[in-house]
Amino acid sequence: MAIKIKQGDRYNLPVAIEMGGVVLTPDIVETVEFMLGGHRKLFPGEVQYSPEDESFHVPVTQEESFAWPAGETVWLDFRVKFPGGDVIGVEKKLGIAVVDAESTEVI
């Protein structure tokens, strides 16, 4: 299923990360860097982890989603820092389609 974000949307985007067949959880990572449409978000920090769906929840603000051009794709890229210092980027970026909104007002 393709992921879509409408301009002006504000919510937490759930992202499950798997490396080598292992679902990453906070107990096996030190830091996760998410780059979404030019915005950097970190776990721990503004990105939270949900054990219920085993995913990191990356916040998207209305201002951020309004800034993304309609009809384009924004990319979610992430790198993981493990205890011990290794940093590994996930090879596959996640494309998110941006859908046009009639209103451009933050509510």
PDB file of N, CA and C in Angstrom:
ATOM      1  N   MET A   1       0.845  -1.181   0.000  1.00  0.00           N
ATOM      2  CA  MET A   1       0.000   0.000   0.000  1.00  0.00           C
ATOM      3  C   MET A   1       0.888   1.240   0.000  1.00  0.00           C
ATOM      4  N   ALA A   2       0.594   2.177  -0.885  1.00  0.00           N
ATOM      5  CA  ALA A   2       1.350   3.427  -0.947  1.00  0.00           C
ATOM      6  C   ALA A   2       0.926   4.345   0.197  1.00  0.00           C
ATOM      7  N   ILE A   3       1.901   5.074   0.713  1.00  0.00           N
ATOM      8  CA  ILE A   3       1.614   6.021   1.785  1.00  0.00           C
ATOM      9  C   ILE A   3       1.374   7.378   1.151  1.00  0.00           C
ATOM     10  N   LYS A   4       0.325   8.061   1.617  1.00  0.00           N
ATOM     11  CA  LYS A   4       0.005   9.391   1.121  1.00  0.00           C
ATOM     12  C   LYS A   4      -0.147  10.326   2.302  1.00  0.00           C
ATOM     13  N   ILE A   5       0.297  11.563   2.102  1.00  0.00           N
ATOM     14  CA  ILE A   5       0.097  12.621   3.082  1.00  0.00           C
ATOM     15  C   ILE A   5      -0.526  13.792   2.337  1.00  0.00           C
ATOM     16  N   LYS A   6      -1.632  14.288   2.850  1.00  0.00           N
ATOM     17  CA  LYS A   6      -2.249  15.461   2.255  1.00  0.00           C
ATOM     18  C   LYS A   6      -1.603  16.699   2.845  1.00  0.00           C
ATOM     19  N   GLN A   7      -1.366  17.698   2.006  1.00  0.00           N
ATOM     20  CA  GLN A   7      -0.811  18.942   2.515  1.00  0.00           C
ATOM     21  C   GLN A   7      -1.685  19.419   3.675  1.00  0.00           C
ATOM     22  N   GLY A   8      -1.048  19.810   4.776  1.00  0.00           N
ATOM     23  CA  GLY A   8      -1.778  20.256   5.957  1.00  0.00           C
ATOM     24  C   GLY A   8      -2.051  19.177   6.974  1.00  0.00           C
ATOM     25  N   ASP A   9      -1.716  17.920   6.645  1.00  0.00           N
ATOM     26  CA  ASP A   9      -1.890  16.840   7.626  1.00  0.00           C
ATOM     27  C   ASP A   9      -0.917  17.032   8.790  1.00  0.00           C
ATOM     28  N   ARG A  10      -1.360  16.637   9.971  1.00  0.00           N
ATOM     29  CA  ARG A  10      -0.509  16.631  11.167  1.00  0.00           C
ATOM     30  C   ARG A  10      -0.806  15.340  11.913  1.00  0.00           C
ATOM     31  N   TYR A  11       0.186  14.481  11.989  1.00  0.00           N
ATOM     32  CA  TYR A  11       0.025  13.238  12.746  1.00  0.00           C
ATOM     33  C   TYR A  11       1.376  12.554  12.888  1.00  0.00           C
ATOM     34  N   ASN A  12       1.380  11.447  13.590  1.00  0.00           N
ATOM     35  CA  ASN A  12       2.592  10.654  13.765  1.00  0.00           C
ATOM     36  C   ASN A  12       2.590   9.533  12.745  1.00  0.00           C
ATOM     37  N   LEU A  13       3.600   9.510  11.907  1.00  0.00           N
ATOM     38  CA  LEU A  13       3.740   8.513  10.858  1.00  0.00           C
ATOM     39  C   LEU A  13       4.421   7.277  11.438  1.00  0.00           C
ATOM     40  N   PRO A  14       3.714   6.121  11.507  1.00  0.00           N
ATOM     41  CA  PRO A  14       4.332   4.919  12.068  1.00  0.00           C
ATOM     42  C   PRO A  14       5.322   4.290  11.087  1.00  0.00           C
ATOM     43  N   VAL A  15       6.531   4.001  11.583  1.00  0.00           N
ATOM     44  CA  VAL A  15       7.583   3.435  10.747  1.00  0.00           C
ATOM     45  C   VAL A  15       8.201   2.239  11.474  1.00  0.00           C
ATOM     46  N   ALA A  16       8.000   1.040  10.922  1.00  0.00           N
ATOM     47  CA  ALA A  16       8.646  -0.155  11.459  1.00  0.00           C
ATOM     48  C   ALA A  16       9.954  -0.335  10.700  1.00  0.00           C
ATOM     49  N   ILE A  17      11.036  -0.578  11.427  1.00  0.00           N
ATOM     50  CA  ILE A  17      12.349  -0.737  10.801  1.00  0.00           C
ATOM     51  C   ILE A  17      12.827  -2.165  11.021  1.00  0.00           C
ATOM     52  N   GLU A  18      13.219  -2.784   9.925  1.00  0.00           N
ATOM     53  CA  GLU A  18      13.734  -4.146   9.981  1.00  0.00           C
ATOM     54  C   GLU A  18      15.105  -4.170   9.318  1.00  0.00           C
ATOM     55  N   MET A  19      16.059  -4.817   9.973  1.00  0.00           N
ATOM     56  CA  MET A  19      17.398  -5.003   9.424  1.00  0.00           C
ATOM     57  C   MET A  19      17.790  -6.457   9.594  1.00  0.00           C
ATOM     58  N   GLY A  20      18.163  -7.081   8.508  1.00  0.00           N
ATOM     59  CA  GLY A  20      18.587  -8.479   8.576  1.00  0.00           C
ATOM     60  C   GLY A  20      17.536  -9.391   9.165  1.00  0.00           C
ATOM     61  N   GLY A  21      16.262  -9.087   8.910  1.00  0.00           N
ATOM     62  CA  GLY A  21      15.179  -9.917   9.417  1.00  0.00           C
ATOM     63  C   GLY A  21      14.804  -9.650  10.861  1.00  0.00           C
ATOM     64  N   VAL A  22      15.439  -8.639  11.478  1.00  0.00           N
ATOM     65  CA  VAL A  22      15.165  -8.308  12.881  1.00  0.00           C
ATOM     66  C   VAL A  22      14.443  -6.966  12.944  1.00  0.00           C
ATOM     67  N   VAL A  23      13.294  -6.940  13.628  1.00  0.00           N
ATOM     68  CA  VAL A  23      12.572  -5.688  13.833  1.00  0.00           C
ATOM     69  C   VAL A  23      13.306  -4.907  14.920  1.00  0.00           C
ATOM     70  N   LEU A  24      13.682  -3.671  14.598  1.00  0.00           N
ATOM     71  CA  LEU A  24      14.436  -2.857  15.556  1.00  0.00           C
ATOM     72  C   LEU A  24      13.519  -2.269  16.616  1.00  0.00           C
ATOM     73  N   THR A  25      13.978  -2.358  17.862  1.00  0.00           N
ATOM     74  CA  THR A  25      13.260  -1.838  19.018  1.00  0.00           C
ATOM     75  C   THR A  25      14.233  -0.993  19.841  1.00  0.00           C
ATOM     76  N   PRO A  26      13.719  -0.164  20.742  1.00  0.00           N
ATOM     77  CA  PRO A  26      14.597   0.713  21.519  1.00  0.00           C
ATOM     78  C   PRO A  26      15.670  -0.004  22.326  1.00  0.00           C
ATOM     79  N   ASP A  27      15.439  -1.253  22.697  1.00  0.00           N
ATOM     80  CA  ASP A  27      16.429  -1.950  23.511  1.00  0.00           C
ATOM     81  C   ASP A  27      17.651  -2.402  22.707  1.00  0.00           C
ATOM     82  N   ILE A  28      17.604  -2.323  21.368  1.00  0.00           N
ATOM     83  CA  ILE A  28      18.762  -2.725  20.567  1.00  0.00           C
ATOM     84  C   ILE A  28      19.335  -1.588  19.724  1.00  0.00           C
ATOM     85  N   VAL A  29      18.802  -0.376  19.889  1.00  0.00           N
ATOM     86  CA  VAL A  29      19.356   0.786  19.191  1.00  0.00           C
ATOM     87  C   VAL A  29      19.708   1.859  20.204  1.00  0.00           C
ATOM     88  N   GLU A  30      20.645   2.714  19.829  1.00  0.00           N
ATOM     89  CA  GLU A  30      20.978   3.870  20.669  1.00  0.00           C
ATOM     90  C   GLU A  30      20.246   5.106  20.160  1.00  0.00           C
ATOM     91  N   THR A  31      20.317   5.335  18.846  1.00  0.00           N
ATOM     92  CA  THR A  31      19.709   6.498  18.213  1.00  0.00           C
ATOM     93  C   THR A  31      19.208   6.092  16.836  1.00  0.00           C
ATOM     94  N   VAL A  32      18.082   6.676  16.428  1.00  0.00           N
ATOM     95  CA  VAL A  32      17.620   6.518  15.050  1.00  0.00           C
ATOM     96  C   VAL A  32      17.382   7.920  14.505  1.00  0.00           C
ATOM     97  N   GLU A  33      17.997   8.188  13.347  1.00  0.00           N
ATOM     98  CA  GLU A  33      17.823   9.470  12.666  1.00  0.00           C
ATOM     99  C   GLU A  33      16.868   9.267  11.496  1.00  0.00           C
ATOM    100  N   PHE A  34      15.800  10.059  11.466  1.00  0.00           N
ATOM    101  CA  PHE A  34      14.832  10.026  10.376  1.00  0.00           C
ATOM    102  C   PHE A  34      14.945  11.341   9.607  1.00  0.00           C
ATOM    103  N   MET A  35      15.055  11.265   8.304  1.00  0.00           N
ATOM    104  CA  MET A  35      15.022  12.446   7.441  1.00  0.00           C
ATOM    105  C   MET A  35      13.755  12.333   6.605  1.00  0.00           C
ATOM    106  N   LEU A  36      12.845  13.259   6.808  1.00  0.00           N
ATOM    107  CA  LEU A  36      11.562  13.229   6.111  1.00  0.00           C
ATOM    108  C   LEU A  36      11.339  14.557   5.414  1.00  0.00           C
ATOM    109  N   GLY A  37      11.422  14.544   4.092  1.00  0.00           N
ATOM    110  CA  GLY A  37      11.171  15.765   3.329  1.00  0.00           C
ATOM    111  C   GLY A  37      12.052  16.921   3.742  1.00  0.00           C
ATOM    112  N   GLY A  38      13.307  16.628   4.084  1.00  0.00           N
ATOM    113  CA  GLY A  38      14.246  17.678   4.474  1.00  0.00           C
ATOM    114  C   GLY A  38      14.238  18.024   5.954  1.00  0.00           C
ATOM    115  N   HIS A  39      13.418  17.352   6.738  1.00  0.00           N
ATOM    116  CA  HIS A  39      13.345  17.617   8.181  1.00  0.00           C
ATOM    117  C   HIS A  39      13.956  16.446   8.938  1.00  0.00           C
ATOM    118  N   ARG A  40      14.854  16.762   9.873  1.00  0.00           N
ATOM    119  CA  ARG A  40      15.543  15.740  10.665  1.00  0.00           C
ATOM    120  C   ARG A  40      14.824  15.551  11.991  1.00  0.00           C
ATOM    121  N   LYS A  41      14.536  14.292  12.311  1.00  0.00           N
ATOM    122  CA  LYS A  41      13.885  13.928  13.574  1.00  0.00           C
ATOM    123  C   LYS A  41      14.680  12.787  14.199  1.00  0.00           C
ATOM    124  N   LEU A  42      14.789  12.803  15.538  1.00  0.00           N
ATOM    125  CA  LEU A  42      15.600  11.797  16.232  1.00  0.00           C
ATOM    126  C   LEU A  42      14.789  10.996  17.235  1.00  0.00           C
ATOM    127  N   PHE A  43      15.181   9.725  17.347  1.00  0.00           N
ATOM    128  CA  PHE A  43      14.762   8.878  18.461  1.00  0.00           C
ATOM    129  C   PHE A  43      16.024   8.541  19.233  1.00  0.00           C
ATOM    130  N   PRO A  44      16.074   8.669  20.535  1.00  0.00           N
ATOM    131  CA  PRO A  44      15.021   9.265  21.358  1.00  0.00           C
ATOM    132  C   PRO A  44      14.986  10.778  21.160  1.00  0.00           C
ATOM    133  N   GLY A  45      13.867  11.325  21.459  1.00  0.00           N
ATOM    134  CA  GLY A  45      13.643  12.752  21.266  1.00  0.00           C
ATOM    135  C   GLY A  45      12.229  12.963  20.788  1.00  0.00           C
ATOM    136  N   GLU A  46      12.091  13.652  19.672  1.00  0.00           N
ATOM    137  CA  GLU A  46      10.736  13.931  19.204  1.00  0.00           C
ATOM    138  C   GLU A  46      10.055  12.711  18.580  1.00  0.00           C
ATOM    139  N   VAL A  47      10.819  11.729  18.147  1.00  0.00           N
ATOM    140  CA  VAL A  47      10.251  10.479  17.641  1.00  0.00           C
ATOM    141  C   VAL A  47      10.045   9.537  18.830  1.00  0.00           C
ATOM    142  N   GLN A  48       8.859   8.971  18.921  1.00  0.00           N
ATOM    143  CA  GLN A  48       8.520   8.048  19.995  1.00  0.00           C
ATOM    144  C   GLN A  48       8.433   6.628  19.435  1.00  0.00           C
ATOM    145  N   TYR A  49       8.527   5.651  20.319  1.00  0.00           N
ATOM    146  CA  TYR A  49       8.387   4.249  19.918  1.00  0.00           C
ATOM    147  C   TYR A  49       7.113   3.690  20.523  1.00  0.00           C
ATOM    148  N   SER A  50       6.375   2.917  19.724  1.00  0.00           N
ATOM    149  CA  SER A  50       5.150   2.279  20.193  1.00  0.00           C
ATOM    150  C   SER A  50       5.336   0.768  20.200  1.00  0.00           C
ATOM    151  N   PRO A  51       5.399   0.148  21.384  1.00  0.00           N
ATOM    152  CA  PRO A  51       5.540  -1.309  21.428  1.00  0.00           C
ATOM    153  C   PRO A  51       4.300  -2.032  20.896  1.00  0.00           C
ATOM    154  N   GLU A  52       3.142  -1.375  20.927  1.00  0.00           N
ATOM    155  CA  GLU A  52       1.907  -2.009  20.451  1.00  0.00           C
ATOM    156  C   GLU A  52       2.006  -2.383  18.973  1.00  0.00           C
ATOM    157  N   ASP A  53       2.557  -1.493  18.152  1.00  0.00           N
ATOM    158  CA  ASP A  53       2.671  -1.809  16.723  1.00  0.00           C
ATOM    159  C   ASP A  53       4.125  -1.952  16.278  1.00  0.00           C
ATOM    160  N   GLU A  54       5.047  -2.009  17.248  1.00  0.00           N
ATOM    161  CA  GLU A  54       6.475  -2.180  16.986  1.00  0.00           C
ATOM    162  C   GLU A  54       6.980  -1.199  15.935  1.00  0.00           C
ATOM    163  N   SER A  55       6.606   0.074  16.122  1.00  0.00           N
ATOM    164  CA  SER A  55       7.043   1.071  15.152  1.00  0.00           C
ATOM    165  C   SER A  55       7.421   2.377  15.852  1.00  0.00           C
ATOM    166  N   PHE A  56       8.272   3.108  15.169  1.00  0.00           N
ATOM    167  CA  PHE A  56       8.644   4.443  15.589  1.00  0.00           C
ATOM    168  C   PHE A  56       7.611   5.398  15.007  1.00  0.00           C
ATOM    169  N   HIS A  57       7.189   6.380  15.789  1.00  0.00           N
ATOM    170  CA  HIS A  57       6.178   7.318  15.334  1.00  0.00           C
ATOM    171  C   HIS A  57       6.845   8.667  15.073  1.00  0.00           C
ATOM    172  N   VAL A  58       6.976   8.993  13.778  1.00  0.00           N
ATOM    173  CA  VAL A  58       7.664  10.202  13.334  1.00  0.00           C
ATOM    174  C   VAL A  58       6.627  11.314  13.190  1.00  0.00           C
ATOM    175  N   PRO A  59       6.762  12.390  13.981  1.00  0.00           N
ATOM    176  CA  PRO A  59       5.765  13.448  13.908  1.00  0.00           C
ATOM    177  C   PRO A  59       5.895  14.279  12.625  1.00  0.00           C
ATOM    178  N   VAL A  60       4.747  14.569  12.040  1.00  0.00           N
ATOM    179  CA  VAL A  60       4.662  15.451  10.881  1.00  0.00           C
ATOM    180  C   VAL A  60       3.782  16.618  11.292  1.00  0.00           C
ATOM    181  N   THR A  61       4.279  17.843  11.113  1.00  0.00           N
ATOM    182  CA  THR A  61       3.488  19.020  11.456  1.00  0.00           C
ATOM    183  C   THR A  61       2.738  19.528  10.228  1.00  0.00           C
ATOM    184  N   GLN A  62       1.725  20.345  10.466  1.00  0.00           N
ATOM    185  CA  GLN A  62       0.989  20.946   9.354  1.00  0.00           C
ATOM    186  C   GLN A  62       1.924  21.819   8.508  1.00  0.00           C
ATOM    187  N   GLU A  63       2.779  22.568   9.166  1.00  0.00           N
ATOM    188  CA  GLU A  63       3.700  23.443   8.440  1.00  0.00           C
ATOM    189  C   GLU A  63       4.621  22.637   7.523  1.00  0.00           C
ATOM    190  N   GLU A  64       5.101  21.496   8.014  1.00  0.00           N
ATOM    191  CA  GLU A  64       5.969  20.648   7.195  1.00  0.00           C
ATOM    192  C   GLU A  64       5.224  20.108   5.981  1.00  0.00           C
ATOM    193  N   SER A  65       4.043  19.556   6.207  1.00  0.00           N
ATOM    194  CA  SER A  65       3.326  18.948   5.084  1.00  0.00           C
ATOM    195  C   SER A  65       2.823  19.995   4.085  1.00  0.00           C
ATOM    196  N   PHE A  66       2.512  21.210   4.557  1.00  0.00           N
ATOM    197  CA  PHE A  66       2.148  22.280   3.626  1.00  0.00           C
ATOM    198  C   PHE A  66       3.322  22.671   2.732  1.00  0.00           C
ATOM    199  N   ALA A  67       4.542  22.544   3.243  1.00  0.00           N
ATOM    200  CA  ALA A  67       5.731  22.949   2.487  1.00  0.00           C
ATOM    201  C   ALA A  67       6.096  21.961   1.378  1.00  0.00           C
ATOM    202  N   TRP A  68       5.557  20.755   1.438  1.00  0.00           N
ATOM    203  CA  TRP A  68       5.880  19.751   0.424  1.00  0.00           C
ATOM    204  C   TRP A  68       5.021  19.975  -0.805  1.00  0.00           C
ATOM    205  N   PRO A  69       5.614  19.926  -1.999  1.00  0.00           N
ATOM    206  CA  PRO A  69       4.855  20.188  -3.224  1.00  0.00           C
ATOM    207  C   PRO A  69       3.859  19.073  -3.551  1.00  0.00           C
ATOM    208  N   ALA A  70       2.628  19.483  -3.862  1.00  0.00           N
ATOM    209  CA  ALA A  70       1.590  18.525  -4.226  1.00  0.00           C
ATOM    210  C   ALA A  70       1.977  17.797  -5.508  1.00  0.00           C
ATOM    211  N   GLY A  71       1.618  16.535  -5.560  1.00  0.00           N
ATOM    212  CA  GLY A  71       1.907  15.729  -6.730  1.00  0.00           C
ATOM    213  C   GLY A  71       3.325  15.178  -6.754  1.00  0.00           C
ATOM    214  N   GLU A  72       4.111  15.503  -5.750  1.00  0.00           N
ATOM    215  CA  GLU A  72       5.493  15.039  -5.662  1.00  0.00           C
ATOM    216  C   GLU A  72       5.592  13.932  -4.614  1.00  0.00           C
ATOM    217  N   THR A  73       6.775  13.380  -4.507  1.00  0.00           N
ATOM    218  CA  THR A  73       7.056  12.371  -3.496  1.00  0.00           C
ATOM    219  C   THR A  73       8.100  12.927  -2.543  1.00  0.00           C
ATOM    220  N   VAL A  74       7.831  12.811  -1.239  1.00  0.00           N
ATOM    221  CA  VAL A  74       8.862  13.119  -0.248  1.00  0.00           C
ATOM    222  C   VAL A  74       9.420  11.780   0.210  1.00  0.00           C
ATOM    223  N   TRP A  75      10.665  11.801   0.617  1.00  0.00           N
ATOM    224  CA  TRP A  75      11.345  10.553   0.969  1.00  0.00           C
ATOM    225  C   TRP A  75      11.649  10.507   2.449  1.00  0.00           C
ATOM    226  N   LEU A  76      11.442   9.344   3.021  1.00  0.00           N
ATOM    227  CA  LEU A  76      11.815   9.077   4.408  1.00  0.00           C
ATOM    228  C   LEU A  76      13.041   8.178   4.362  1.00  0.00           C
ATOM    229  N   ASP A  77      14.113   8.691   4.924  1.00  0.00           N
ATOM    230  CA  ASP A  77      15.374   7.950   4.978  1.00  0.00           C
ATOM    231  C   ASP A  77      15.763   7.842   6.441  1.00  0.00           C
ATOM    232  N   PHE A  78      16.415   6.756   6.828  1.00  0.00           N
ATOM    233  CA  PHE A  78      16.811   6.640   8.228  1.00  0.00           C
ATOM    234  C   PHE A  78      18.131   5.916   8.378  1.00  0.00           C
ATOM    235  N   ARG A  79      18.812   6.301   9.471  1.00  0.00           N
ATOM    236  CA  ARG A  79      20.076   5.670   9.867  1.00  0.00           C
ATOM    237  C   ARG A  79      19.949   5.286  11.324  1.00  0.00           C
ATOM    238  N   VAL A  80      20.600   4.201  11.662  1.00  0.00           N
ATOM    239  CA  VAL A  80      20.510   3.671  13.021  1.00  0.00           C
ATOM    240  C   VAL A  80      21.905   3.640  13.640  1.00  0.00           C
ATOM    241  N   LYS A  81      22.011   4.179  14.859  1.00  0.00           N
ATOM    242  CA  LYS A  81      23.245   4.065  15.636  1.00  0.00           C
ATOM    243  C   LYS A  81      22.999   3.021  16.717  1.00  0.00           C
ATOM    244  N   PHE A  82      23.890   2.044  16.744  1.00  0.00           N
ATOM    245  CA  PHE A  82      23.769   0.947  17.702  1.00  0.00           C
ATOM    246  C   PHE A  82      24.697   1.176  18.888  1.00  0.00           C
ATOM    247  N   PRO A  83      24.379   0.564  20.038  1.00  0.00           N
ATOM    248  CA  PRO A  83      25.325   0.611  21.147  1.00  0.00           C
ATOM    249  C   PRO A  83      26.662   0.049  20.659  1.00  0.00           C
ATOM    250  N   GLY A  84      27.717   0.701  21.000  1.00  0.00           N
ATOM    251  CA  GLY A  84      29.033   0.308  20.502  1.00  0.00           C
ATOM    252  C   GLY A  84      29.522   1.231  19.404  1.00  0.00           C
ATOM    253  N   GLY A  85      28.598   2.035  18.822  1.00  0.00           N
ATOM    254  CA  GLY A  85      29.020   3.062  17.886  1.00  0.00           C
ATOM    255  C   GLY A  85      28.763   2.823  16.412  1.00  0.00           C
ATOM    256  N   ASP A  86      28.420   1.594  16.008  1.00  0.00           N
ATOM    257  CA  ASP A  86      28.144   1.357  14.587  1.00  0.00           C
ATOM    258  C   ASP A  86      26.928   2.163  14.143  1.00  0.00           C
ATOM    259  N   VAL A  87      27.047   2.776  12.955  1.00  0.00           N
ATOM    260  CA  VAL A  87      25.930   3.507  12.352  1.00  0.00           C
ATOM    261  C   VAL A  87      25.660   2.868  10.994  1.00  0.00           C
ATOM    262  N   ILE A  88      24.409   2.435  10.800  1.00  0.00           N
ATOM    263  CA  ILE A  88      24.033   1.756   9.559  1.00  0.00           C
ATOM    264  C   ILE A  88      22.775   2.406   9.005  1.00  0.00           C
ATOM    265  N   GLY A  89      22.853   2.800   7.738  1.00  0.00           N
ATOM    266  CA  GLY A  89      21.691   3.361   7.060  1.00  0.00           C
ATOM    267  C   GLY A  89      20.860   2.250   6.441  1.00  0.00           C
ATOM    268  N   VAL A  90      19.563   2.433   6.476  1.00  0.00           N
ATOM    269  CA  VAL A  90      18.672   1.480   5.840  1.00  0.00           C
ATOM    270  C   VAL A  90      18.686   1.782   4.348  1.00  0.00           C
ATOM    271  N   GLU A  91      18.934   0.761   3.526  1.00  0.00           N
ATOM    272  CA  GLU A  91      19.122   0.970   2.090  1.00  0.00           C
ATOM    273  C   GLU A  91      17.905   1.541   1.386  1.00  0.00           C
ATOM    274  N   LYS A  92      16.742   1.035   1.697  1.00  0.00           N
ATOM    275  CA  LYS A  92      15.543   1.425   0.959  1.00  0.00           C
ATOM    276  C   LYS A  92      14.856   2.619   1.617  1.00  0.00           C
ATOM    277  N   LYS A  93      14.724   3.708   0.852  1.00  0.00           N
ATOM    278  CA  LYS A  93      13.970   4.862   1.327  1.00  0.00           C
ATOM    279  C   LYS A  93      12.481   4.598   1.125  1.00  0.00           C
ATOM    280  N   LEU A  94      11.675   5.243   1.957  1.00  0.00           N
ATOM    281  CA  LEU A  94      10.230   5.105   1.867  1.00  0.00           C
ATOM    282  C   LEU A  94       9.672   6.341   1.174  1.00  0.00           C
ATOM    283  N   GLY A  95       9.008   6.154   0.035  1.00  0.00           N
ATOM    284  CA  GLY A  95       8.407   7.269  -0.696  1.00  0.00           C
ATOM    285  C   GLY A  95       7.005   7.550  -0.197  1.00  0.00           C
ATOM    286  N   ILE A  96       6.703   8.840  -0.021  1.00  0.00           N
ATOM    287  CA  ILE A  96       5.392   9.248   0.463  1.00  0.00           C
ATOM    288  C   ILE A  96       4.820  10.260  -0.528  1.00  0.00           C
ATOM    289  N   ALA A  97       3.677   9.924  -1.108  1.00  0.00           N
ATOM    290  CA  ALA A  97       3.031  10.796  -2.079  1.00  0.00           C
ATOM    291  C   ALA A  97       2.361  11.966  -1.358  1.00  0.00           C
ATOM    292  N   VAL A  98       2.534  13.177  -1.908  1.00  0.00           N
ATOM    293  CA  VAL A  98       1.929  14.376  -1.327  1.00  0.00           C
ATOM    294  C   VAL A  98       0.702  14.750  -2.161  1.00  0.00           C
ATOM    295  N   VAL A  99      -0.437  14.846  -1.487  1.00  0.00           N
ATOM    296  CA  VAL A  99      -1.706  15.150  -2.130  1.00  0.00           C
ATOM    297  C   VAL A  99      -2.049  16.616  -1.873  1.00  0.00           C
ATOM    298  N   ASP A 100      -2.558  17.286  -2.898  1.00  0.00           N
ATOM    299  CA  ASP A 100      -2.920  18.700  -2.832  1.00  0.00           C
ATOM    300  C   ASP A 100      -4.085  18.934  -1.866  1.00  0.00           C
ATOM    301  N   ALA A 101      -4.028  20.073  -1.184  1.00  0.00           N
ATOM    302  CA  ALA A 101      -5.122  20.491  -0.295  1.00  0.00           C
ATOM    303  C   ALA A 101      -5.682  21.815  -0.798  1.00  0.00           C
ATOM    304  N   GLU A 102      -6.970  21.985  -0.702  1.00  0.00           N
ATOM    305  CA  GLU A 102      -7.600  23.238  -1.102  1.00  0.00           C
ATOM    306  C   GLU A 102      -7.216  24.380  -0.159  1.00  0.00           C
ATOM    307  N   SER A 103      -7.245  24.102   1.134  1.00  0.00           N
ATOM    308  CA  SER A 103      -6.913  25.114   2.127  1.00  0.00           C
ATOM    309  C   SER A 103      -5.413  25.094   2.411  1.00  0.00           C
ATOM    310  N   THR A 104      -4.851  26.251   2.678  1.00  0.00           N
ATOM    311  CA  THR A 104      -3.457  26.339   3.060  1.00  0.00           C
ATOM    312  C   THR A 104      -3.304  26.957   4.442  1.00  0.00           C
ATOM    313  N   GLU A 105      -4.352  26.878   5.243  1.00  0.00           N
ATOM    314  CA  GLU A 105      -4.353  27.449   6.582  1.00  0.00           C
ATOM    315  C   GLU A 105      -4.093  26.363   7.618  1.00  0.00           C
ATOM    316  N   VAL A 106      -3.252  26.691   8.587  1.00  0.00           N
ATOM    317  CA  VAL A 106      -3.034  25.795   9.720  1.00  0.00           C
ATOM    318  C   VAL A 106      -4.241  25.896  10.631  1.00  0.00           C
ATOM    319  N   ILE A 107      -4.785  24.734  11.014  1.00  0.00           N
ATOM    320  CA  ILE A 107      -5.948  24.749  11.939  1.00  0.00           C
ATOM    321  C   ILE A 107      -5.595  24.071  13.246  1.00  0.00           C
TER     322      ILE A 107
END
